[in-house]
């Protein structure tokens, strides 16, 4: 039953994303559009919170070797994304800002490395 609820939650989120992208692309202005987009952002935050909580609960159930591998991937991924971001900004704009994009690099690295723990149980 819980798997069906998760499946419907993801389907609704995908449909909602397509609708919001269409609204933004076409610049549609109705009285309820702002509330619709705010509801989408709240739903997106709740799904993100669910993902984070599920990932941490699955980490608690995993073996230490698996946890160590995931954290090493997370750290390497964070530094790699941060370096590539700095390099891209330097090559395109000619500016060297070292501390600018560190937060987005950490968030993306977290999403990439912990996605399998947030989606399914991994007990090896």
PDB file of N, CA and C in Angstrom:
ATOM      1  N   UNK A   1       0.821  -1.190   0.000  1.00  0.00           N
ATOM      2  CA  UNK A   1       0.000   0.000   0.000  1.00  0.00           C
ATOM      3  C   UNK A   1       0.866   1.255   0.000  1.00  0.00           C
ATOM      4  N   UNK A   2       1.943   1.248   0.833  1.00  0.00           N
ATOM      5  CA  UNK A   2       2.792   2.433   0.914  1.00  0.00           C
ATOM      6  C   UNK A   2       3.499   2.682  -0.416  1.00  0.00           C
ATOM      7  N   UNK A   3       3.844   1.609  -1.140  1.00  0.00           N
ATOM      8  CA  UNK A   3       4.483   1.761  -2.441  1.00  0.00           C
ATOM      9  C   UNK A   3       3.547   2.431  -3.434  1.00  0.00           C
ATOM     10  N   UNK A   4       2.256   2.093  -3.388  1.00  0.00           N
ATOM     11  CA  UNK A   4       1.284   2.739  -4.266  1.00  0.00           C
ATOM     12  C   UNK A   4       1.145   4.221  -3.939  1.00  0.00           C
ATOM     13  N   UNK A   5       1.163   4.568  -2.655  1.00  0.00           N
ATOM     14  CA  UNK A   5       1.053   5.976  -2.264  1.00  0.00           C
ATOM     15  C   UNK A   5       2.269   6.754  -2.770  1.00  0.00           C
ATOM     16  N   UNK A   6       3.456   6.167  -2.638  1.00  0.00           N
ATOM     17  CA  UNK A   6       4.657   6.837  -3.137  1.00  0.00           C
ATOM     18  C   UNK A   6       4.602   7.003  -4.652  1.00  0.00           C
ATOM     19  N   UNK A   7       4.114   5.969  -5.337  1.00  0.00           N
ATOM     20  CA  UNK A   7       4.016   6.028  -6.783  1.00  0.00           C
ATOM     21  C   UNK A   7       3.063   7.150  -7.215  1.00  0.00           C
ATOM     22  N   UNK A   8       1.899   7.250  -6.570  1.00  0.00           N
ATOM     23  CA  UNK A   8       0.949   8.311  -6.887  1.00  0.00           C
ATOM     24  C   UNK A   8       1.505   9.686  -6.524  1.00  0.00           C
ATOM     25  N   UNK A   9       2.264   9.756  -5.435  1.00  0.00           N
ATOM     26  CA  UNK A   9       2.862  11.026  -5.034  1.00  0.00           C
ATOM     27  C   UNK A   9       3.830  11.511  -6.114  1.00  0.00           C
ATOM     28  N   UNK A  10       4.654  10.619  -6.649  1.00  0.00           N
ATOM     29  CA  UNK A  10       5.593  11.004  -7.696  1.00  0.00           C
ATOM     30  C   UNK A  10       4.876  11.358  -8.995  1.00  0.00           C
ATOM     31  N   UNK A  11       3.820  10.628  -9.327  1.00  0.00           N
ATOM     32  CA  UNK A  11       3.058  10.932 -10.541  1.00  0.00           C
ATOM     33  C   UNK A  11       2.408  12.300 -10.441  1.00  0.00           C
ATOM     34  N   UNK A  12       1.805  12.600  -9.291  1.00  0.00           N
ATOM     35  CA  UNK A  12       1.179  13.915  -9.084  1.00  0.00           C
ATOM     36  C   UNK A  12       2.225  15.014  -9.161  1.00  0.00           C
ATOM     37  N   UNK A  13       3.394  14.790  -8.588  1.00  0.00           N
ATOM     38  CA  UNK A  13       4.452  15.787  -8.615  1.00  0.00           C
ATOM     39  C   UNK A  13       4.933  16.043 -10.044  1.00  0.00           C
ATOM     40  N   UNK A  14       5.052  14.992 -10.849  1.00  0.00           N
ATOM     41  CA  UNK A  14       5.476  15.159 -12.240  1.00  0.00           C
ATOM     42  C   UNK A  14       4.432  15.922 -13.039  1.00  0.00           C
ATOM     43  N   UNK A  15       3.165  15.576 -12.867  1.00  0.00           N
ATOM     44  CA  UNK A  15       2.095  16.286 -13.571  1.00  0.00           C
ATOM     45  C   UNK A  15       2.050  17.741 -13.143  1.00  0.00           C
ATOM     46  N   UNK A  16       2.177  17.983 -11.842  1.00  0.00           N
ATOM     47  CA  UNK A  16       2.169  19.346 -11.314  1.00  0.00           C
ATOM     48  C   UNK A  16       3.354  20.141 -11.870  1.00  0.00           C
ATOM     49  N   UNK A  17       4.513  19.503 -11.998  1.00  0.00           N
ATOM     50  CA  UNK A  17       5.694  20.170 -12.546  1.00  0.00           C
ATOM     51  C   UNK A  17       5.456  20.574 -13.986  1.00  0.00           C
ATOM     52  N   UNK A  18       4.880  19.694 -14.780  1.00  0.00           N
ATOM     53  CA  UNK A  18       4.591  20.008 -16.175  1.00  0.00           C
ATOM     54  C   UNK A  18       3.618  21.176 -16.255  1.00  0.00           C
ATOM     55  N   UNK A  19       2.594  21.172 -15.401  1.00  0.00           N
ATOM     56  CA  UNK A  19       1.619  22.261 -15.415  1.00  0.00           C
ATOM     57  C   UNK A  19       2.249  23.589 -15.018  1.00  0.00           C
ATOM     58  N   UNK A  20       3.096  23.588 -14.004  1.00  0.00           N
ATOM     59  CA  UNK A  20       3.750  24.829 -13.576  1.00  0.00           C
ATOM     60  C   UNK A  20       4.711  25.326 -14.651  1.00  0.00           C
ATOM     61  N   UNK A  21       5.448  24.417 -15.280  1.00  0.00           N
ATOM     62  CA  UNK A  21       6.339  24.830 -16.362  1.00  0.00           C
ATOM     63  C   UNK A  21       5.557  25.425 -17.528  1.00  0.00           C
ATOM     64  N   UNK A  22       4.405  24.859 -17.846  1.00  0.00           N
ATOM     65  CA  UNK A  22       3.555  25.409 -18.898  1.00  0.00           C
ATOM     66  C   UNK A  22       3.043  26.791 -18.514  1.00  0.00           C
ATOM     67  N   UNK A  23       2.625  26.958 -17.264  1.00  0.00           N
ATOM     68  CA  UNK A  23       2.129  28.258 -16.790  1.00  0.00           C
ATOM     69  C   UNK A  23       3.224  29.310 -16.872  1.00  0.00           C
ATOM     70  N   UNK A  24       4.421  28.954 -16.460  1.00  0.00           N
ATOM     71  CA  UNK A  24       5.527  29.910 -16.488  1.00  0.00           C
ATOM     72  C   UNK A  24       5.944  30.203 -17.931  1.00  0.00           C
ATOM     73  N   UNK A  25       5.981  29.187 -18.779  1.00  0.00           N
ATOM     74  CA  UNK A  25       6.397  29.377 -20.172  1.00  0.00           C
ATOM     75  C   UNK A  25       5.424  30.264 -20.931  1.00  0.00           C
ATOM     76  N   UNK A  26       4.140  30.040 -20.744  1.00  0.00           N
ATOM     77  CA  UNK A  26       3.119  30.809 -21.460  1.00  0.00           C
ATOM     78  C   UNK A  26       2.756  32.118 -20.757  1.00  0.00           C
ATOM     79  N   UNK A  27       3.320  32.341 -19.558  1.00  0.00           N
ATOM     80  CA  UNK A  27       3.045  33.544 -18.771  1.00  0.00           C
ATOM     81  C   UNK A  27       1.539  33.739 -18.564  1.00  0.00           C
ATOM     82  N   UNK A  28       0.890  32.698 -18.113  1.00  0.00           N
ATOM     83  CA  UNK A  28      -0.546  32.712 -17.876  1.00  0.00           C
ATOM     84  C   UNK A  28      -0.830  33.466 -16.587  1.00  0.00           C
ATOM     85  N   UNK A  29      -1.806  34.378 -16.654  1.00  0.00           N
ATOM     86  CA  UNK A  29      -2.159  35.168 -15.478  1.00  0.00           C
ATOM     87  C   UNK A  29      -3.647  35.016 -15.178  1.00  0.00           C
ATOM     88  N   UNK A  30      -3.949  34.180 -14.212  1.00  0.00           N
ATOM     89  CA  UNK A  30      -5.295  34.025 -13.682  1.00  0.00           C
ATOM     90  C   UNK A  30      -5.225  34.325 -12.197  1.00  0.00           C
ATOM     91  N   UNK A  31      -6.362  34.565 -11.559  1.00  0.00           N
ATOM     92  CA  UNK A  31      -6.314  34.880 -10.126  1.00  0.00           C
ATOM     93  C   UNK A  31      -5.774  33.747  -9.259  1.00  0.00           C
ATOM     94  N   UNK A  32      -5.912  32.510  -9.682  1.00  0.00           N
ATOM     95  CA  UNK A  32      -5.497  31.396  -8.836  1.00  0.00           C
ATOM     96  C   UNK A  32      -4.105  30.857  -9.176  1.00  0.00           C
ATOM     97  N   UNK A  33      -3.427  31.411 -10.158  1.00  0.00           N
ATOM     98  CA  UNK A  33      -2.137  30.880 -10.599  1.00  0.00           C
ATOM     99  C   UNK A  33      -1.080  31.001  -9.502  1.00  0.00           C
ATOM    100  N   UNK A  34      -1.044  32.122  -8.804  1.00  0.00           N
ATOM    101  CA  UNK A  34      -0.043  32.308  -7.749  1.00  0.00           C
ATOM    102  C   UNK A  34      -0.230  31.275  -6.646  1.00  0.00           C
ATOM    103  N   UNK A  35      -1.476  31.020  -6.237  1.00  0.00           N
ATOM    104  CA  UNK A  35      -1.733  30.017  -5.208  1.00  0.00           C
ATOM    105  C   UNK A  35      -1.354  28.620  -5.709  1.00  0.00           C
ATOM    106  N   UNK A  36      -1.575  28.359  -6.973  1.00  0.00           N
ATOM    107  CA  UNK A  36      -1.228  27.076  -7.570  1.00  0.00           C
ATOM    108  C   UNK A  36       0.281  26.856  -7.531  1.00  0.00           C
ATOM    109  N   UNK A  37       1.040  27.880  -7.885  1.00  0.00           N
ATOM    110  CA  UNK A  37       2.500  27.771  -7.882  1.00  0.00           C
ATOM    111  C   UNK A  37       3.029  27.667  -6.455  1.00  0.00           C
ATOM    112  N   UNK A  38       2.454  28.403  -5.508  1.00  0.00           N
ATOM    113  CA  UNK A  38       2.861  28.308  -4.107  1.00  0.00           C
ATOM    114  C   UNK A  38       2.565  26.905  -3.568  1.00  0.00           C
ATOM    115  N   UNK A  39       1.426  26.350  -3.929  1.00  0.00           N
ATOM    116  CA  UNK A  39       1.103  24.974  -3.539  1.00  0.00           C
ATOM    117  C   UNK A  39       2.105  23.984  -4.114  1.00  0.00           C
ATOM    118  N   UNK A  40       2.531  24.210  -5.341  1.00  0.00           N
ATOM    119  CA  UNK A  40       3.536  23.347  -5.956  1.00  0.00           C
ATOM    120  C   UNK A  40       4.858  23.422  -5.194  1.00  0.00           C
ATOM    121  N   UNK A  41       5.279  24.616  -4.842  1.00  0.00           N
ATOM    122  CA  UNK A  41       6.538  24.781  -4.100  1.00  0.00           C
ATOM    123  C   UNK A  41       6.444  24.090  -2.744  1.00  0.00           C
ATOM    124  N   UNK A  42       5.311  24.212  -2.069  1.00  0.00           N
ATOM    125  CA  UNK A  42       5.125  23.540  -0.780  1.00  0.00           C
ATOM    126  C   UNK A  42       5.162  22.025  -0.958  1.00  0.00           C
ATOM    127  N   UNK A  43       4.514  21.515  -1.994  1.00  0.00           N
ATOM    128  CA  UNK A  43       4.543  20.076  -2.280  1.00  0.00           C
ATOM    129  C   UNK A  43       5.956  19.616  -2.593  1.00  0.00           C
ATOM    130  N   UNK A  44       6.696  20.414  -3.337  1.00  0.00           N
ATOM    131  CA  UNK A  44       8.076  20.079  -3.672  1.00  0.00           C
ATOM    132  C   UNK A  44       8.945  20.035  -2.416  1.00  0.00           C
ATOM    133  N   UNK A  45       8.734  20.965  -1.504  1.00  0.00           N
ATOM    134  CA  UNK A  45       9.480  20.967  -0.247  1.00  0.00           C
ATOM    135  C   UNK A  45       9.126  19.745   0.608  1.00  0.00           C
ATOM    136  N   UNK A  46       7.851  19.366   0.638  1.00  0.00           N
ATOM    137  CA  UNK A  46       7.448  18.193   1.411  1.00  0.00           C
ATOM    138  C   UNK A  46       8.021  16.903   0.832  1.00  0.00           C
ATOM    139  N   UNK A  47       8.048  16.788  -0.485  1.00  0.00           N
ATOM    140  CA  UNK A  47       8.645  15.608  -1.117  1.00  0.00           C
ATOM    141  C   UNK A  47      10.149  15.578  -0.842  1.00  0.00           C
ATOM    142  N   UNK A  48      10.801  16.732  -0.880  1.00  0.00           N
ATOM    143  CA  UNK A  48      12.219  16.803  -0.547  1.00  0.00           C
ATOM    144  C   UNK A  48      12.479  16.411   0.894  1.00  0.00           C
ATOM    145  N   UNK A  49      11.612  16.858   1.808  1.00  0.00           N
ATOM    146  CA  UNK A  49      11.738  16.489   3.218  1.00  0.00           C
ATOM    147  C   UNK A  49      11.533  14.987   3.397  1.00  0.00           C
ATOM    148  N   UNK A  50      10.556  14.424   2.700  1.00  0.00           N
ATOM    149  CA  UNK A  50      10.334  12.972   2.742  1.00  0.00           C
ATOM    150  C   UNK A  50      11.567  12.226   2.265  1.00  0.00           C
ATOM    151  N   UNK A  51      12.163  12.715   1.179  1.00  0.00           N
ATOM    152  CA  UNK A  51      13.358  12.089   0.622  1.00  0.00           C
ATOM    153  C   UNK A  51      14.502  12.109   1.632  1.00  0.00           C
ATOM    154  N   UNK A  52      14.729  13.242   2.275  1.00  0.00           N
ATOM    155  CA  UNK A  52      15.820  13.376   3.246  1.00  0.00           C
ATOM    156  C   UNK A  52      15.592  12.479   4.453  1.00  0.00           C
ATOM    157  N   UNK A  53      14.359  12.465   4.983  1.00  0.00           N
ATOM    158  CA  UNK A  53      14.062  11.626   6.151  1.00  0.00           C
ATOM    159  C   UNK A  53      14.225  10.150   5.805  1.00  0.00           C
ATOM    160  N   UNK A  54      13.738   9.734   4.643  1.00  0.00           N
ATOM    161  CA  UNK A  54      13.865   8.341   4.226  1.00  0.00           C
ATOM    162  C   UNK A  54      15.333   7.959   4.040  1.00  0.00           C
ATOM    163  N   UNK A  55      16.117   8.862   3.474  1.00  0.00           N
ATOM    164  CA  UNK A  55      17.542   8.575   3.281  1.00  0.00           C
ATOM    165  C   UNK A  55      18.238   8.376   4.622  1.00  0.00           C
ATOM    166  N   UNK A  56      17.967   9.255   5.587  1.00  0.00           N
ATOM    167  CA  UNK A  56      18.621   9.112   6.887  1.00  0.00           C
ATOM    168  C   UNK A  56      18.131   7.885   7.651  1.00  0.00           C
ATOM    169  N   UNK A  57      16.854   7.535   7.518  1.00  0.00           N
ATOM    170  CA  UNK A  57      16.376   6.318   8.164  1.00  0.00           C
ATOM    171  C   UNK A  57      17.016   5.076   7.544  1.00  0.00           C
ATOM    172  N   UNK A  58      17.206   5.078   6.236  1.00  0.00           N
ATOM    173  CA  UNK A  58      17.851   3.942   5.584  1.00  0.00           C
ATOM    174  C   UNK A  58      19.342   3.889   5.883  1.00  0.00           C
ATOM    175  N   UNK A  59      19.962   5.033   6.125  1.00  0.00           N
ATOM    176  CA  UNK A  59      21.372   5.041   6.522  1.00  0.00           C
ATOM    177  C   UNK A  59      21.528   4.367   7.877  1.00  0.00           C
ATOM    178  N   UNK A  60      20.603   4.629   8.780  1.00  0.00           N
ATOM    179  CA  UNK A  60      20.676   4.014  10.114  1.00  0.00           C
ATOM    180  C   UNK A  60      20.604   2.500  10.039  1.00  0.00           C
ATOM    181  N   UNK A  61      19.904   1.966   9.034  1.00  0.00           N
ATOM    182  CA  UNK A  61      19.739   0.523   8.900  1.00  0.00           C
ATOM    183  C   UNK A  61      20.872  -0.135   8.100  1.00  0.00           C
ATOM    184  N   UNK A  62      21.722   0.678   7.461  1.00  0.00           N
ATOM    185  CA  UNK A  62      22.773   0.132   6.604  1.00  0.00           C
ATOM    186  C   UNK A  62      24.005  -0.226   7.405  1.00  0.00           C
ATOM    187  N   UNK A  63      24.847  -1.027   6.774  1.00  0.00           N
ATOM    188  CA  UNK A  63      26.112  -1.403   7.393  1.00  0.00           C
ATOM    189  C   UNK A  63      27.090  -0.234   7.317  1.00  0.00           C
ATOM    190  N   UNK A  64      28.110  -0.282   8.189  1.00  0.00           N
ATOM    191  CA  UNK A  64      29.075   0.810   8.261  1.00  0.00           C
ATOM    192  C   UNK A  64      29.849   0.956   6.952  1.00  0.00           C
ATOM    193  N   UNK A  65      30.150  -0.136   6.272  1.00  0.00           N
ATOM    194  CA  UNK A  65      30.908  -0.055   5.021  1.00  0.00           C
ATOM    195  C   UNK A  65      30.104   0.677   3.938  1.00  0.00           C
ATOM    196  N   UNK A  66      28.817   0.442   3.894  1.00  0.00           N
ATOM    197  CA  UNK A  66      27.955   1.126   2.931  1.00  0.00           C
ATOM    198  C   UNK A  66      27.876   2.611   3.246  1.00  0.00           C
ATOM    199  N   UNK A  67      27.749   2.945   4.516  1.00  0.00           N
ATOM    200  CA  UNK A  67      27.671   4.337   4.921  1.00  0.00           C
ATOM    201  C   UNK A  67      28.964   5.067   4.564  1.00  0.00           C
ATOM    202  N   UNK A  68      30.098   4.407   4.801  1.00  0.00           N
ATOM    203  CA  UNK A  68      31.388   5.017   4.499  1.00  0.00           C
ATOM    204  C   UNK A  68      31.528   5.277   2.998  1.00  0.00           C
ATOM    205  N   UNK A  69      31.111   4.315   2.169  1.00  0.00           N
ATOM    206  CA  UNK A  69      31.176   4.489   0.717  1.00  0.00           C
ATOM    207  C   UNK A  69      30.303   5.650   0.260  1.00  0.00           C
ATOM    208  N   UNK A  70      29.107   5.761   0.822  1.00  0.00           N
ATOM    209  CA  UNK A  70      28.187   6.828   0.431  1.00  0.00           C
ATOM    210  C   UNK A  70      28.743   8.195   0.827  1.00  0.00           C
ATOM    211  N   UNK A  71      29.312   8.302   2.027  1.00  0.00           N
ATOM    212  CA  UNK A  71      29.862   9.582   2.461  1.00  0.00           C
ATOM    213  C   UNK A  71      31.100   9.970   1.657  1.00  0.00           C
ATOM    214  N   UNK A  72      31.910   9.000   1.272  1.00  0.00           N
ATOM    215  CA  UNK A  72      33.066   9.308   0.427  1.00  0.00           C
ATOM    216  C   UNK A  72      32.601   9.793  -0.941  1.00  0.00           C
ATOM    217  N   UNK A  73      31.582   9.139  -1.518  1.00  0.00           N
ATOM    218  CA  UNK A  73      31.014   9.602  -2.782  1.00  0.00           C
ATOM    219  C   UNK A  73      30.459  11.016  -2.644  1.00  0.00           C
ATOM    220  N   UNK A  74      29.812  11.293  -1.510  1.00  0.00           N
ATOM    221  CA  UNK A  74      29.238  12.614  -1.258  1.00  0.00           C
ATOM    222  C   UNK A  74      30.329  13.688  -1.205  1.00  0.00           C
ATOM    223  N   UNK A  75      31.392  13.429  -0.495  1.00  0.00           N
ATOM    224  CA  UNK A  75      32.463  14.413  -0.358  1.00  0.00           C
ATOM    225  C   UNK A  75      33.169  14.635  -1.693  1.00  0.00           C
ATOM    226  N   UNK A  76      33.495  13.555  -2.390  1.00  0.00           N
ATOM    227  CA  UNK A  76      34.153  13.683  -3.691  1.00  0.00           C
ATOM    228  C   UNK A  76      33.236  14.387  -4.690  1.00  0.00           C
ATOM    229  N   UNK A  77      31.968  14.028  -4.673  1.00  0.00           N
ATOM    230  CA  UNK A  77      31.010  14.671  -5.569  1.00  0.00           C
ATOM    231  C   UNK A  77      30.847  16.152  -5.288  1.00  0.00           C
ATOM    232  N   UNK A  78      30.824  16.532  -4.022  1.00  0.00           N
ATOM    233  CA  UNK A  78      30.691  17.944  -3.659  1.00  0.00           C
ATOM    234  C   UNK A  78      31.857  18.756  -4.187  1.00  0.00           C
ATOM    235  N   UNK A  79      33.067  18.262  -3.949  1.00  0.00           N
ATOM    236  CA  UNK A  79      34.241  18.991  -4.415  1.00  0.00           C
ATOM    237  C   UNK A  79      34.335  19.013  -5.942  1.00  0.00           C
ATOM    238  N   UNK A  80      33.961  17.925  -6.582  1.00  0.00           N
ATOM    239  CA  UNK A  80      34.002  17.878  -8.039  1.00  0.00           C
ATOM    240  C   UNK A  80      33.011  18.862  -8.647  1.00  0.00           C
ATOM    241  N   UNK A  81      31.769  18.855  -8.166  1.00  0.00           N
ATOM    242  CA  UNK A  81      30.774  19.795  -8.688  1.00  0.00           C
ATOM    243  C   UNK A  81      31.166  21.239  -8.407  1.00  0.00           C
ATOM    244  N   UNK A  82      31.709  21.496  -7.226  1.00  0.00           N
ATOM    245  CA  UNK A  82      32.139  22.838  -6.873  1.00  0.00           C
ATOM    246  C   UNK A  82      33.270  23.306  -7.791  1.00  0.00           C
ATOM    247  N   UNK A  83      34.260  22.441  -8.016  1.00  0.00           N
ATOM    248  CA  UNK A  83      35.377  22.781  -8.898  1.00  0.00           C
ATOM    249  C   UNK A  83      34.894  23.027 -10.329  1.00  0.00           C
ATOM    250  N   UNK A  84      34.024  22.149 -10.839  1.00  0.00           N
ATOM    251  CA  UNK A  84      33.520  22.327 -12.200  1.00  0.00           C
ATOM    252  C   UNK A  84      32.701  23.611 -12.333  1.00  0.00           C
ATOM    253  N   UNK A  85      31.953  23.944 -11.296  1.00  0.00           N
ATOM    254  CA  UNK A  85      31.180  25.177 -11.303  1.00  0.00           C
ATOM    255  C   UNK A  85      32.088  26.404 -11.325  1.00  0.00           C
ATOM    256  N   UNK A  86      33.128  26.394 -10.496  1.00  0.00           N
ATOM    257  CA  UNK A  86      34.088  27.505 -10.480  1.00  0.00           C
ATOM    258  C   UNK A  86      34.791  27.617 -11.827  1.00  0.00           C
ATOM    259  N   UNK A  87      35.195  26.482 -12.386  1.00  0.00           N
ATOM    260  CA  UNK A  87      35.867  26.469 -13.684  1.00  0.00           C
ATOM    261  C   UNK A  87      34.955  27.006 -14.784  1.00  0.00           C
ATOM    262  N   UNK A  88      33.701  26.591 -14.781  1.00  0.00           N
ATOM    263  CA  UNK A  88      32.756  27.064 -15.793  1.00  0.00           C
ATOM    264  C   UNK A  88      32.550  28.573 -15.686  1.00  0.00           C
ATOM    265  N   UNK A  89      32.382  29.098 -14.486  1.00  0.00           N
ATOM    266  CA  UNK A  89      32.199  30.545 -14.305  1.00  0.00           C
ATOM    267  C   UNK A  89      33.457  31.291 -14.739  1.00  0.00           C
ATOM    268  N   UNK A  90      34.620  30.746 -14.418  1.00  0.00           N
ATOM    269  CA  UNK A  90      35.864  31.400 -14.804  1.00  0.00           C
ATOM    270  C   UNK A  90      36.025  31.422 -16.326  1.00  0.00           C
ATOM    271  N   UNK A  91      35.689  30.320 -16.979  1.00  0.00           N
ATOM    272  CA  UNK A  91      35.848  30.258 -18.430  1.00  0.00           C
ATOM    273  C   UNK A  91      34.817  31.093 -19.178  1.00  0.00           C
ATOM    274  N   UNK A  92      33.611  31.228 -18.630  1.00  0.00           N
ATOM    275  CA  UNK A  92      32.575  31.982 -19.331  1.00  0.00           C
ATOM    276  C   UNK A  92      32.573  33.465 -18.986  1.00  0.00           C
ATOM    277  N   UNK A  93      32.816  33.806 -17.728  1.00  0.00           N
ATOM    278  CA  UNK A  93      32.742  35.211 -17.312  1.00  0.00           C
ATOM    279  C   UNK A  93      34.102  35.819 -17.004  1.00  0.00           C
ATOM    280  N   UNK A  94      35.107  35.008 -16.839  1.00  0.00           N
ATOM    281  CA  UNK A  94      36.425  35.515 -16.524  1.00  0.00           C
ATOM    282  C   UNK A  94      36.569  35.956 -15.072  1.00  0.00           C
ATOM    283  N   UNK A  95      35.635  35.547 -14.233  1.00  0.00           N
ATOM    284  CA  UNK A  95      35.687  35.904 -12.817  1.00  0.00           C
ATOM    285  C   UNK A  95      36.049  34.671 -12.004  1.00  0.00           C
ATOM    286  N   UNK A  96      36.810  34.900 -10.951  1.00  0.00           N
ATOM    287  CA  UNK A  96      37.186  33.795 -10.078  1.00  0.00           C
ATOM    288  C   UNK A  96      36.559  34.032  -8.712  1.00  0.00           C
ATOM    289  N   UNK A  97      35.414  33.411  -8.508  1.00  0.00           N
ATOM    290  CA  UNK A  97      34.698  33.486  -7.231  1.00  0.00           C
ATOM    291  C   UNK A  97      34.690  32.090  -6.631  1.00  0.00           C
ATOM    292  N   UNK A  98      35.496  31.895  -5.627  1.00  0.00           N
ATOM    293  CA  UNK A  98      35.672  30.554  -5.081  1.00  0.00           C
ATOM    294  C   UNK A  98      34.506  30.135  -4.191  1.00  0.00           C
ATOM    295  N   UNK A  99      33.925  31.031  -3.435  1.00  0.00           N
ATOM    296  CA  UNK A  99      32.912  30.660  -2.444  1.00  0.00           C
ATOM    297  C   UNK A  99      31.474  30.769  -2.956  1.00  0.00           C
ATOM    298  N   UNK A 100      31.276  31.108  -4.204  1.00  0.00           N
ATOM    299  CA  UNK A 100      29.924  31.391  -4.692  1.00  0.00           C
ATOM    300  C   UNK A 100      28.994  30.182  -4.709  1.00  0.00           C
ATOM    301  N   UNK A 101      29.329  29.151  -5.386  1.00  0.00           N
ATOM    302  CA  UNK A 101      28.397  28.063  -5.672  1.00  0.00           C
ATOM    303  C   UNK A 101      28.599  26.837  -4.801  1.00  0.00           C
ATOM    304  N   UNK A 102      29.139  27.005  -3.618  1.00  0.00           N
ATOM    305  CA  UNK A 102      29.419  25.840  -2.779  1.00  0.00           C
ATOM    306  C   UNK A 102      28.135  25.200  -2.246  1.00  0.00           C
ATOM    307  N   UNK A 103      27.133  26.014  -1.904  1.00  0.00           N
ATOM    308  CA  UNK A 103      25.890  25.475  -1.355  1.00  0.00           C
ATOM    309  C   UNK A 103      25.146  24.635  -2.385  1.00  0.00           C
ATOM    310  N   UNK A 104      25.059  25.122  -3.611  1.00  0.00           N
ATOM    311  CA  UNK A 104      24.364  24.351  -4.649  1.00  0.00           C
ATOM    312  C   UNK A 104      25.127  23.073  -4.981  1.00  0.00           C
ATOM    313  N   UNK A 105      26.443  23.106  -4.906  1.00  0.00           N
ATOM    314  CA  UNK A 105      27.235  21.902  -5.164  1.00  0.00           C
ATOM    315  C   UNK A 105      26.988  20.839  -4.101  1.00  0.00           C
ATOM    316  N   UNK A 106      26.895  21.264  -2.845  1.00  0.00           N
ATOM    317  CA  UNK A 106      26.636  20.322  -1.755  1.00  0.00           C
ATOM    318  C   UNK A 106      25.236  19.718  -1.894  1.00  0.00           C
ATOM    319  N   UNK A 107      24.252  20.540  -2.226  1.00  0.00           N
ATOM    320  CA  UNK A 107      22.868  20.055  -2.394  1.00  0.00           C
ATOM    321  C   UNK A 107      22.789  19.047  -3.541  1.00  0.00           C
ATOM    322  N   UNK A 108      23.383  19.379  -4.685  1.00  0.00           N
ATOM    323  CA  UNK A 108      23.344  18.451  -5.821  1.00  0.00           C
ATOM    324  C   UNK A 108      24.088  17.160  -5.513  1.00  0.00           C
ATOM    325  N   UNK A 109      25.210  17.264  -4.845  1.00  0.00           N
ATOM    326  CA  UNK A 109      25.948  16.063  -4.483  1.00  0.00           C
ATOM    327  C   UNK A 109      25.144  15.197  -3.516  1.00  0.00           C
ATOM    328  N   UNK A 110      24.464  15.833  -2.573  1.00  0.00           N
ATOM    329  CA  UNK A 110      23.603  15.084  -1.655  1.00  0.00           C
ATOM    330  C   UNK A 110      22.516  14.346  -2.425  1.00  0.00           C
ATOM    331  N   UNK A 111      21.886  15.034  -3.362  1.00  0.00           N
ATOM    332  CA  UNK A 111      20.810  14.412  -4.132  1.00  0.00           C
ATOM    333  C   UNK A 111      21.324  13.238  -4.965  1.00  0.00           C
ATOM    334  N   UNK A 112      22.481  13.399  -5.581  1.00  0.00           N
ATOM    335  CA  UNK A 112      23.012  12.332  -6.423  1.00  0.00           C
ATOM    336  C   UNK A 112      23.491  11.131  -5.618  1.00  0.00           C
ATOM    337  N   UNK A 113      24.128  11.352  -4.483  1.00  0.00           N
ATOM    338  CA  UNK A 113      24.702  10.226  -3.745  1.00  0.00           C
ATOM    339  C   UNK A 113      23.699   9.516  -2.854  1.00  0.00           C
ATOM    340  N   UNK A 114      22.724  10.236  -2.339  1.00  0.00           N
ATOM    341  CA  UNK A 114      21.781   9.627  -1.412  1.00  0.00           C
ATOM    342  C   UNK A 114      20.462   9.227  -2.070  1.00  0.00           C
ATOM    343  N   UNK A 115      20.362   9.351  -3.384  1.00  0.00           N
ATOM    344  CA  UNK A 115      19.083   9.056  -4.035  1.00  0.00           C
ATOM    345  C   UNK A 115      18.677   7.597  -3.891  1.00  0.00           C
ATOM    346  N   UNK A 116      19.648   6.684  -3.950  1.00  0.00           N
ATOM    347  CA  UNK A 116      19.273   5.270  -3.823  1.00  0.00           C
ATOM    348  C   UNK A 116      18.852   4.934  -2.406  1.00  0.00           C
ATOM    349  N   UNK A 117      19.376   5.649  -1.423  1.00  0.00           N
ATOM    350  CA  UNK A 117      18.952   5.407  -0.050  1.00  0.00           C
ATOM    351  C   UNK A 117      17.607   6.059   0.233  1.00  0.00           C
ATOM    352  N   UNK A 118      17.290   7.132  -0.475  1.00  0.00           N
ATOM    353  CA  UNK A 118      16.024   7.804  -0.265  1.00  0.00           C
ATOM    354  C   UNK A 118      14.861   7.155  -0.979  1.00  0.00           C
ATOM    355  N   UNK A 119      15.176   6.406  -2.027  1.00  0.00           N
ATOM    356  CA  UNK A 119      14.106   5.794  -2.815  1.00  0.00           C
ATOM    357  C   UNK A 119      13.815   4.371  -2.381  1.00  0.00           C
ATOM    358  N   UNK A 120      14.849   3.604  -2.152  1.00  0.00           N
ATOM    359  CA  UNK A 120      14.651   2.199  -1.797  1.00  0.00           C
ATOM    360  C   UNK A 120      15.544   1.825  -0.638  1.00  0.00           C
ATOM    361  N   UNK A 121      15.202   0.763   0.033  1.00  0.00           N
ATOM    362  CA  UNK A 121      16.003   0.304   1.154  1.00  0.00           C
ATOM    363  C   UNK A 121      17.208  -0.443   0.650  1.00  0.00           C
ATOM    364  N   UNK A 122      18.356  -0.091   1.218  1.00  0.00           N
ATOM    365  CA  UNK A 122      19.614  -0.707   0.809  1.00  0.00           C
ATOM    366  C   UNK A 122      20.289  -1.248   2.056  1.00  0.00           C
ATOM    367  N   UNK A 123      20.250  -2.550   2.284  1.00  0.00           N
ATOM    368  CA  UNK A 123      20.758  -3.134   3.512  1.00  0.00           C
ATOM    369  C   UNK A 123      22.074  -3.872   3.338  1.00  0.00           C
ATOM    370  N   UNK A 124      22.809  -3.654   2.251  1.00  0.00           N
ATOM    371  CA  UNK A 124      24.068  -4.373   2.103  1.00  0.00           C
ATOM    372  C   UNK A 124      25.245  -3.567   2.554  1.00  0.00           C
TER     373      UNK A 124
END
